[in-house]
Amino acid sequence: MNATTHRPEPGAKTPSQQDLAADRAAALALTPVSRETEARLDRFVDLLWTWQAKTNLVSLSTLPKLWSRHVSDSLQLLDLAPAAKVWMDLGSGGGFPGMVLACALADRPGASVHLVERNGKKAAFLREALRVTAAPGVVHLAGIEDIVDRVVEPIDCVTARAVAPLHQLIGFAEPVVKKGAKALFLKGQDVEVELTEATKYWNIKPLLHPSRTGGHGWIVELDWIERCNPSKSADGSTL
């Protein structure tokens, strides 16, 4: 890993190279990948550190644990959809989980990740990340509600992390799930509260998977979505 390119945010306490290396090793032990994928992830993480100095891509407090808090958290989704080749990541932001998935899928024929991001600076970062890693993907500079039902290519799996409340995510994902996609949403310790709220708008049969990375995180898996009240809009709000 070319750790010398890491640049912390202004005012941040710089993690030692030893701490960064230890976090990387722990994350890759938890979610192992090929050497080729490791190399792509290293290039992605180095680029993120460079851009982080001028564009807020991830929370300042999580930088010392970037690999375990963000990279490994994203990689764990692959085991829940092992056959999926074409992914759509809603609100990709700093590239989690979408860019990490693209790095991991680069050696799989026919694989691609649709990265949906409305922020211009973050979309520019994602395009550069795809370039430097040679990972398969396309960046959509658009709001989630403007793009999900316009992608013609069949989607195998749709993801989101720290983007919106669950009931809204379900509404955004509904068009692609109805066409056969699986939804995998990374959520925190309040997942039960969010599920309760979501059932006011949606008939769903969720599977909950505890996050490997700890922190009381959960992954919500959905293979079926049905609107339970026609008077509710696709994002769960009242028409």
C-alpha atoms as a PDB file:
ATOM      1  CA  MET A   1       0.000   0.000   0.000  1.00  0.00           C
ATOM      2  CA  ASN A   2       1.373   3.400  -0.930  1.00  0.00           C
ATOM      3  CA  ALA A   3       0.560   4.978   2.424  1.00  0.00           C
ATOM      4  CA  THR A   4       2.755   8.016   1.765  1.00  0.00           C
ATOM      5  CA  THR A   5      -0.010   9.565  -0.336  1.00  0.00           C
ATOM      6  CA  HIS A   6      -2.448   9.710   2.574  1.00  0.00           C
ATOM      7  CA  ARG A   7      -3.504  13.230   3.449  1.00  0.00           C
ATOM      8  CA  PRO A   8      -5.806  13.773   6.440  1.00  0.00           C
ATOM      9  CA  GLU A   9      -8.427  16.472   6.630  1.00  0.00           C
ATOM     10  CA  PRO A  10      -7.259  19.825   8.008  1.00  0.00           C
ATOM     11  CA  GLY A  11      -7.197  19.654  11.774  1.00  0.00           C
ATOM     12  CA  ALA A  12      -7.378  15.865  11.850  1.00  0.00           C
ATOM     13  CA  LYS A  13      -5.044  13.770  13.928  1.00  0.00           C
ATOM     14  CA  THR A  14      -2.910  11.860  11.456  1.00  0.00           C
ATOM     15  CA  PRO A  15      -3.027   8.095  12.030  1.00  0.00           C
ATOM     16  CA  SER A  16       0.393   6.461  12.121  1.00  0.00           C
ATOM     17  CA  GLN A  17       1.416   4.321   9.165  1.00  0.00           C
ATOM     18  CA  GLN A  18       1.587   1.378  11.567  1.00  0.00           C
ATOM     19  CA  ASP A  19      -2.021   1.926  12.651  1.00  0.00           C
ATOM     20  CA  LEU A  20      -3.189   2.267   9.048  1.00  0.00           C
ATOM     21  CA  ALA A  21      -1.397  -0.924   8.053  1.00  0.00           C
ATOM     22  CA  ALA A  22      -2.868  -2.788  11.022  1.00  0.00           C
ATOM     23  CA  ASP A  23      -6.384  -1.624  10.157  1.00  0.00           C
ATOM     24  CA  ARG A  24      -5.901  -2.706   6.546  1.00  0.00           C
ATOM     25  CA  ALA A  25      -4.659  -6.137   7.610  1.00  0.00           C
ATOM     26  CA  ALA A  26      -7.567  -6.612  10.026  1.00  0.00           C
ATOM     27  CA  ALA A  27     -10.120  -5.613   7.397  1.00  0.00           C
ATOM     28  CA  LEU A  28      -8.717  -7.937   4.745  1.00  0.00           C
ATOM     29  CA  ALA A  29      -8.543 -10.796   7.229  1.00  0.00           C
ATOM     30  CA  LEU A  30     -12.243 -10.267   7.911  1.00  0.00           C
ATOM     31  CA  THR A  31     -13.213 -10.014   4.231  1.00  0.00           C
ATOM     32  CA  PRO A  32     -10.432 -11.638   2.151  1.00  0.00           C
ATOM     33  CA  VAL A  33      -9.976 -10.729  -1.512  1.00  0.00           C
ATOM     34  CA  SER A  34      -7.518 -11.585  -4.276  1.00  0.00           C
ATOM     35  CA  ARG A  35      -4.144  -9.851  -4.614  1.00  0.00           C
ATOM     36  CA  GLU A  36      -5.415  -8.098  -7.707  1.00  0.00           C
ATOM     37  CA  THR A  37      -8.409  -6.750  -5.801  1.00  0.00           C
ATOM     38  CA  GLU A  38      -6.146  -5.679  -2.930  1.00  0.00           C
ATOM     39  CA  ALA A  39      -4.076  -3.670  -5.390  1.00  0.00           C
ATOM     40  CA  ARG A  40      -7.164  -1.962  -6.806  1.00  0.00           C
ATOM     41  CA  LEU A  41      -8.446  -1.204  -3.301  1.00  0.00           C
ATOM     42  CA  ASP A  42      -5.073   0.278  -2.366  1.00  0.00           C
ATOM     43  CA  ARG A  43      -5.237   2.632  -5.345  1.00  0.00           C
ATOM     44  CA  PHE A  44      -8.810   3.581  -4.458  1.00  0.00           C
ATOM     45  CA  VAL A  45      -7.980   4.260  -0.799  1.00  0.00           C
ATOM     46  CA  ASP A  46      -4.904   6.316  -1.729  1.00  0.00           C
ATOM     47  CA  LEU A  47      -7.032   8.392  -4.085  1.00  0.00           C
ATOM     48  CA  LEU A  48      -9.671   8.875  -1.394  1.00  0.00           C
ATOM     49  CA  TRP A  49      -7.080  10.186   1.062  1.00  0.00           C
ATOM     50  CA  THR A  50      -5.839  12.648  -1.549  1.00  0.00           C
ATOM     51  CA  TRP A  51      -9.323  13.931  -2.368  1.00  0.00           C
ATOM     52  CA  GLN A  52     -10.420  13.937   1.275  1.00  0.00           C
ATOM     53  CA  ALA A  53      -8.189  16.964   1.865  1.00  0.00           C
ATOM     54  CA  LYS A  54     -10.428  19.068  -0.390  1.00  0.00           C
ATOM     55  CA  THR A  55     -13.735  17.177  -0.557  1.00  0.00           C
ATOM     56  CA  ASN A  56     -15.523  15.615   2.419  1.00  0.00           C
ATOM     57  CA  LEU A  57     -15.930  12.017   1.279  1.00  0.00           C
ATOM     58  CA  VAL A  58     -16.093  10.181   4.622  1.00  0.00           C
ATOM     59  CA  SER A  59     -16.550  11.223   8.237  1.00  0.00           C
ATOM     60  CA  LEU A  60     -13.406  12.672   9.809  1.00  0.00           C
ATOM     61  CA  SER A  61     -13.748  10.435  12.854  1.00  0.00           C
ATOM     62  CA  THR A  62     -13.664   7.251  10.753  1.00  0.00           C
ATOM     63  CA  LEU A  63     -10.449   7.996   8.843  1.00  0.00           C
ATOM     64  CA  PRO A  64      -8.148   6.042  11.200  1.00  0.00           C
ATOM     65  CA  LYS A  65     -10.334   2.957  10.617  1.00  0.00           C
ATOM     66  CA  LEU A  66     -11.036   3.564   6.950  1.00  0.00           C
ATOM     67  CA  TRP A  67     -10.435  -0.040   5.920  1.00  0.00           C
ATOM     68  CA  SER A  68     -12.433  -1.721   8.682  1.00  0.00           C
ATOM     69  CA  ARG A  69     -15.225   0.861   8.894  1.00  0.00           C
ATOM     70  CA  HIS A  70     -15.756   1.365   5.174  1.00  0.00           C
ATOM     71  CA  VAL A  71     -13.881  -1.059   2.908  1.00  0.00           C
ATOM     72  CA  SER A  72     -14.598  -4.267   4.816  1.00  0.00           C
ATOM     73  CA  ASP A  73     -18.144  -3.117   5.554  1.00  0.00           C
ATOM     74  CA  SER A  74     -18.696  -2.886   1.800  1.00  0.00           C
ATOM     75  CA  LEU A  75     -16.936  -6.124   0.826  1.00  0.00           C
ATOM     76  CA  GLN A  76     -19.185  -8.238   3.052  1.00  0.00           C
ATOM     77  CA  LEU A  77     -22.105  -7.651   0.682  1.00  0.00           C
ATOM     78  CA  LEU A  78     -20.504  -9.882  -1.946  1.00  0.00           C
ATOM     79  CA  ASP A  79     -21.193 -13.043   0.050  1.00  0.00           C
ATOM     80  CA  LEU A  80     -24.915 -12.209   0.192  1.00  0.00           C
ATOM     81  CA  ALA A  81     -25.203 -11.984  -3.598  1.00  0.00           C
ATOM     82  CA  PRO A  82     -22.390 -14.201  -4.915  1.00  0.00           C
ATOM     83  CA  ALA A  83     -23.873 -14.598  -8.399  1.00  0.00           C
ATOM     84  CA  ALA A  84     -24.644 -10.891  -8.914  1.00  0.00           C
ATOM     85  CA  LYS A  85     -22.693  -9.225 -11.710  1.00  0.00           C
ATOM     86  CA  VAL A  86     -24.504  -5.946 -12.299  1.00  0.00           C
ATOM     87  CA  TRP A  87     -24.963  -3.766  -9.228  1.00  0.00           C
ATOM     88  CA  MET A  88     -26.531  -0.375  -8.612  1.00  0.00           C
ATOM     89  CA  ASP A  89     -25.322   1.710  -5.663  1.00  0.00           C
ATOM     90  CA  LEU A  90     -27.695   4.477  -4.590  1.00  0.00           C
ATOM     91  CA  GLY A  91     -26.012   7.624  -3.290  1.00  0.00           C
ATOM     92  CA  SER A  92     -22.453   6.351  -3.746  1.00  0.00           C
ATOM     93  CA  GLY A  93     -20.782   9.359  -2.108  1.00  0.00           C
ATOM     94  CA  GLY A  94     -17.197   8.420  -1.276  1.00  0.00           C
ATOM     95  CA  GLY A  95     -17.575   5.060  -2.995  1.00  0.00           C
ATOM     96  CA  PHE A  96     -18.988   2.848  -0.261  1.00  0.00           C
ATOM     97  CA  PRO A  97     -20.094   0.289  -1.041  1.00  0.00           C
ATOM     98  CA  GLY A  98     -20.200   0.858  -4.816  1.00  0.00           C
ATOM     99  CA  MET A  99     -16.544   1.545  -5.665  1.00  0.00           C
ATOM    100  CA  VAL A 100     -15.335  -1.196  -3.338  1.00  0.00           C
ATOM    101  CA  LEU A 101     -17.675  -3.656  -5.050  1.00  0.00           C
ATOM    102  CA  ALA A 102     -16.438  -2.509  -8.460  1.00  0.00           C
ATOM    103  CA  CYS A 103     -12.834  -3.136  -7.397  1.00  0.00           C
ATOM    104  CA  ALA A 104     -13.753  -6.622  -6.185  1.00  0.00           C
ATOM    105  CA  LEU A 105     -15.739  -7.483  -9.321  1.00  0.00           C
ATOM    106  CA  ALA A 106     -13.187  -6.262 -11.866  1.00  0.00           C
ATOM    107  CA  ASP A 107     -12.028  -9.762 -12.787  1.00  0.00           C
ATOM    108  CA  ARG A 108     -15.558 -11.099 -13.272  1.00  0.00           C
ATOM    109  CA  PRO A 109     -16.642 -11.085 -16.946  1.00  0.00           C
ATOM    110  CA  GLY A 110     -19.715  -8.950 -17.514  1.00  0.00           C
ATOM    111  CA  ALA A 111     -19.554  -7.257 -14.101  1.00  0.00           C
ATOM    112  CA  SER A 112     -20.427  -3.590 -13.709  1.00  0.00           C
ATOM    113  CA  VAL A 113     -21.510  -1.190 -10.964  1.00  0.00           C
ATOM    114  CA  HIS A 114     -23.841   1.756 -11.547  1.00  0.00           C
ATOM    115  CA  LEU A 115     -22.782   4.518  -9.150  1.00  0.00           C
ATOM    116  CA  VAL A 116     -25.594   7.008  -8.570  1.00  0.00           C
ATOM    117  CA  GLU A 117     -24.509  10.322  -7.028  1.00  0.00           C
ATOM    118  CA  ARG A 118     -26.131  13.782  -7.231  1.00  0.00           C
ATOM    119  CA  ASN A 119     -23.141  15.747  -5.813  1.00  0.00           C
ATOM    120  CA  GLY A 120     -20.905  16.948  -8.634  1.00  0.00           C
ATOM    121  CA  LYS A 121     -17.612  16.824  -6.695  1.00  0.00           C
ATOM    122  CA  LYS A 122     -18.278  13.333  -5.398  1.00  0.00           C
ATOM    123  CA  ALA A 123     -19.322  12.169  -8.854  1.00  0.00           C
ATOM    124  CA  ALA A 124     -16.030  13.525 -10.212  1.00  0.00           C
ATOM    125  CA  PHE A 125     -14.156  11.592  -7.526  1.00  0.00           C
ATOM    126  CA  LEU A 126     -15.998   8.407  -8.444  1.00  0.00           C
ATOM    127  CA  ARG A 127     -15.135   8.830 -12.121  1.00  0.00           C
ATOM    128  CA  GLU A 128     -11.471   9.278 -11.243  1.00  0.00           C
ATOM    129  CA  ALA A 129     -11.629   6.263  -8.928  1.00  0.00           C
ATOM    130  CA  LEU A 130     -12.989   4.111 -11.751  1.00  0.00           C
ATOM    131  CA  ARG A 131     -10.164   5.355 -13.969  1.00  0.00           C
ATOM    132  CA  VAL A 132      -7.253   4.750 -11.578  1.00  0.00           C
ATOM    133  CA  THR A 133      -8.511   1.339 -10.486  1.00  0.00           C
ATOM    134  CA  ALA A 134      -9.698   0.200 -13.932  1.00  0.00           C
ATOM    135  CA  ALA A 135     -12.792  -1.095 -12.155  1.00  0.00           C
ATOM    136  CA  PRO A 136     -15.956  -1.737 -14.181  1.00  0.00           C
ATOM    137  CA  GLY A 137     -18.630   0.860 -13.621  1.00  0.00           C
ATOM    138  CA  VAL A 138     -20.434   3.988 -14.710  1.00  0.00           C
ATOM    139  CA  VAL A 139     -21.209   7.148 -12.745  1.00  0.00           C
ATOM    140  CA  HIS A 140     -24.683   8.667 -12.994  1.00  0.00           C
ATOM    141  CA  LEU A 141     -24.652  12.323 -11.940  1.00  0.00           C
ATOM    142  CA  ALA A 142     -28.307  12.424 -10.926  1.00  0.00           C
ATOM    143  CA  GLY A 143     -30.699  12.137  -8.047  1.00  0.00           C
ATOM    144  CA  ILE A 144     -31.672   8.592  -7.112  1.00  0.00           C
ATOM    145  CA  GLU A 145     -35.311   9.181  -7.961  1.00  0.00           C
ATOM    146  CA  ASP A 146     -34.288  10.376 -11.442  1.00  0.00           C
ATOM    147  CA  ILE A 147     -32.236   7.362 -12.481  1.00  0.00           C
ATOM    148  CA  VAL A 148     -33.349   4.066 -10.902  1.00  0.00           C
ATOM    149  CA  ASP A 149     -36.075   3.306 -13.428  1.00  0.00           C
ATOM    150  CA  ARG A 150     -34.125   4.663 -16.427  1.00  0.00           C
ATOM    151  CA  VAL A 151     -31.233   2.197 -16.474  1.00  0.00           C
ATOM    152  CA  VAL A 152     -32.078  -0.256 -19.228  1.00  0.00           C
ATOM    153  CA  GLU A 153     -29.519  -2.901 -18.232  1.00  0.00           C
ATOM    154  CA  PRO A 154     -30.948  -5.565 -15.885  1.00  0.00           C
ATOM    155  CA  ILE A 155     -29.728  -5.051 -12.308  1.00  0.00           C
ATOM    156  CA  ASP A 156     -28.856  -8.053 -10.156  1.00  0.00           C
ATOM    157  CA  CYS A 157     -28.399  -6.230  -6.855  1.00  0.00           C
ATOM    158  CA  VAL A 158     -29.136  -2.719  -5.559  1.00  0.00           C
ATOM    159  CA  THR A 159     -27.305  -1.296  -2.535  1.00  0.00           C
ATOM    160  CA  ALA A 160     -27.230   1.794  -0.341  1.00  0.00           C
ATOM    161  CA  ARG A 161     -25.340   2.919   2.750  1.00  0.00           C
ATOM    162  CA  ALA A 162     -26.000   5.977   4.919  1.00  0.00           C
ATOM    163  CA  VAL A 163     -28.212   7.596   2.288  1.00  0.00           C
ATOM    164  CA  ALA A 164     -31.817   7.782   3.519  1.00  0.00           C
ATOM    165  CA  PRO A 165     -34.294   6.194   5.939  1.00  0.00           C
ATOM    166  CA  LEU A 166     -35.196   2.626   5.055  1.00  0.00           C
ATOM    167  CA  HIS A 167     -38.757   3.391   3.927  1.00  0.00           C
ATOM    168  CA  GLN A 168     -37.402   5.872   1.383  1.00  0.00           C
ATOM    169  CA  LEU A 169     -34.676   3.497   0.184  1.00  0.00           C
ATOM    170  CA  ILE A 170     -37.286   0.817  -0.407  1.00  0.00           C
ATOM    171  CA  GLY A 171     -39.266   3.249  -2.516  1.00  0.00           C
ATOM    172  CA  PHE A 172     -36.190   4.179  -4.548  1.00  0.00           C
ATOM    173  CA  ALA A 173     -35.283   0.521  -5.090  1.00  0.00           C
ATOM    174  CA  GLU A 174     -38.800  -0.681  -5.891  1.00  0.00           C
ATOM    175  CA  PRO A 175     -38.505  -0.369  -9.700  1.00  0.00           C
ATOM    176  CA  VAL A 176     -35.366  -2.528  -9.937  1.00  0.00           C
ATOM    177  CA  VAL A 177     -36.455  -5.048  -7.290  1.00  0.00           C
ATOM    178  CA  LYS A 178     -39.715  -5.571  -9.180  1.00  0.00           C
ATOM    179  CA  LYS A 179     -37.567  -6.470 -12.201  1.00  0.00           C
ATOM    180  CA  GLY A 180     -35.726  -9.169 -10.251  1.00  0.00           C
ATOM    181  CA  ALA A 181     -32.956  -7.410  -8.347  1.00  0.00           C
ATOM    182  CA  LYS A 182     -32.007  -8.154  -4.750  1.00  0.00           C
ATOM    183  CA  ALA A 183     -31.716  -5.173  -2.378  1.00  0.00           C
ATOM    184  CA  LEU A 184     -28.972  -5.011   0.264  1.00  0.00           C
ATOM    185  CA  PHE A 185     -29.095  -1.976   2.547  1.00  0.00           C
ATOM    186  CA  LEU A 186     -26.429  -1.331   5.182  1.00  0.00           C
ATOM    187  CA  LYS A 187     -28.065   0.005   8.343  1.00  0.00           C
ATOM    188  CA  GLY A 188     -27.135   0.826  11.939  1.00  0.00           C
ATOM    189  CA  GLN A 189     -28.397  -0.196  15.348  1.00  0.00           C
ATOM    190  CA  ASP A 190     -31.808   1.463  14.827  1.00  0.00           C
ATOM    191  CA  VAL A 191     -32.728  -0.970  12.067  1.00  0.00           C
ATOM    192  CA  GLU A 192     -35.784  -2.318  13.937  1.00  0.00           C
ATOM    193  CA  VAL A 193     -37.195   1.196  14.292  1.00  0.00           C
ATOM    194  CA  GLU A 194     -36.636   1.800  10.582  1.00  0.00           C
ATOM    195  CA  LEU A 195     -38.274  -1.502   9.673  1.00  0.00           C
ATOM    196  CA  THR A 196     -41.316  -0.625  11.769  1.00  0.00           C
ATOM    197  CA  GLU A 197     -41.626   2.681   9.945  1.00  0.00           C
ATOM    198  CA  ALA A 198     -41.117   1.005   6.569  1.00  0.00           C
ATOM    199  CA  THR A 199     -44.014  -1.408   7.109  1.00  0.00           C
ATOM    200  CA  LYS A 200     -46.380   1.567   7.219  1.00  0.00           C
ATOM    201  CA  TYR A 201     -45.733   1.984   3.503  1.00  0.00           C
ATOM    202  CA  TRP A 202     -44.456  -1.356   2.203  1.00  0.00           C
ATOM    203  CA  ASN A 203     -45.237  -5.049   2.370  1.00  0.00           C
ATOM    204  CA  ILE A 204     -41.805  -6.625   2.717  1.00  0.00           C
ATOM    205  CA  LYS A 205     -40.210  -9.835   3.962  1.00  0.00           C
ATOM    206  CA  PRO A 206     -36.789  -8.661   5.119  1.00  0.00           C
ATOM    207  CA  LEU A 207     -33.857 -10.858   6.066  1.00  0.00           C
ATOM    208  CA  LEU A 208     -31.527  -9.286   8.621  1.00  0.00           C
ATOM    209  CA  HIS A 209     -27.820 -10.096   8.621  1.00  0.00           C
ATOM    210  CA  PRO A 210     -25.538  -8.832  11.410  1.00  0.00           C
ATOM    211  CA  SER A 211     -22.591  -6.870  10.062  1.00  0.00           C
ATOM    212  CA  ARG A 212     -19.245  -8.642  10.252  1.00  0.00           C
ATOM    213  CA  THR A 213     -17.587  -5.356  11.098  1.00  0.00           C
ATOM    214  CA  GLY A 214     -19.437  -4.942  14.392  1.00  0.00           C
ATOM    215  CA  GLY A 215     -20.684  -1.621  15.675  1.00  0.00           C
ATOM    216  CA  HIS A 216     -24.261  -2.948  15.934  1.00  0.00           C
ATOM    217  CA  GLY A 217     -24.619  -2.704  12.157  1.00  0.00           C
ATOM    218  CA  TRP A 218     -27.051  -4.724  10.083  1.00  0.00           C
ATOM    219  CA  ILE A 219     -27.680  -5.582   6.439  1.00  0.00           C
ATOM    220  CA  VAL A 220     -31.313  -5.580   5.321  1.00  0.00           C
ATOM    221  CA  GLU A 221     -31.912  -8.021   2.458  1.00  0.00           C
ATOM    222  CA  LEU A 222     -35.046  -7.701   0.353  1.00  0.00           C
ATOM    223  CA  ASP A 223     -36.114  -9.814  -2.623  1.00  0.00           C
ATOM    224  CA  TRP A 224     -39.734  -8.645  -2.740  1.00  0.00           C
ATOM    225  CA  ILE A 225     -41.356  -5.229  -2.360  1.00  0.00           C
ATOM    226  CA  GLU A 226     -45.027  -4.347  -2.643  1.00  0.00           C
ATOM    227  CA  ARG A 227     -46.680  -1.024  -1.908  1.00  0.00           C
ATOM    228  CA  CYS A 228     -49.279  -1.485   0.835  1.00  0.00           C
ATOM    229  CA  ASN A 229     -50.994   1.863   0.292  1.00  0.00           C
ATOM    230  CA  PRO A 230     -51.479   3.227  -3.233  1.00  0.00           C
ATOM    231  CA  SER A 231     -51.794   6.736  -1.787  1.00  0.00           C
ATOM    232  CA  LYS A 232     -48.140   6.680  -0.776  1.00  0.00           C
ATOM    233  CA  SER A 233     -45.480   7.815  -3.244  1.00  0.00           C
ATOM    234  CA  ALA A 234     -42.460   5.750  -4.286  1.00  0.00           C
ATOM    235  CA  ASP A 235     -40.261   7.301  -1.590  1.00  0.00           C
ATOM    236  CA  GLY A 236     -42.831   6.603   1.121  1.00  0.00           C
ATOM    237  CA  SER A 237     -44.266  10.109   1.361  1.00  0.00           C
ATOM    238  CA  THR A 238     -47.954  10.934   1.032  1.00  0.00           C
ATOM    239  CA  LEU A 239     -49.169  11.883  -2.421  1.00  0.00           C
END
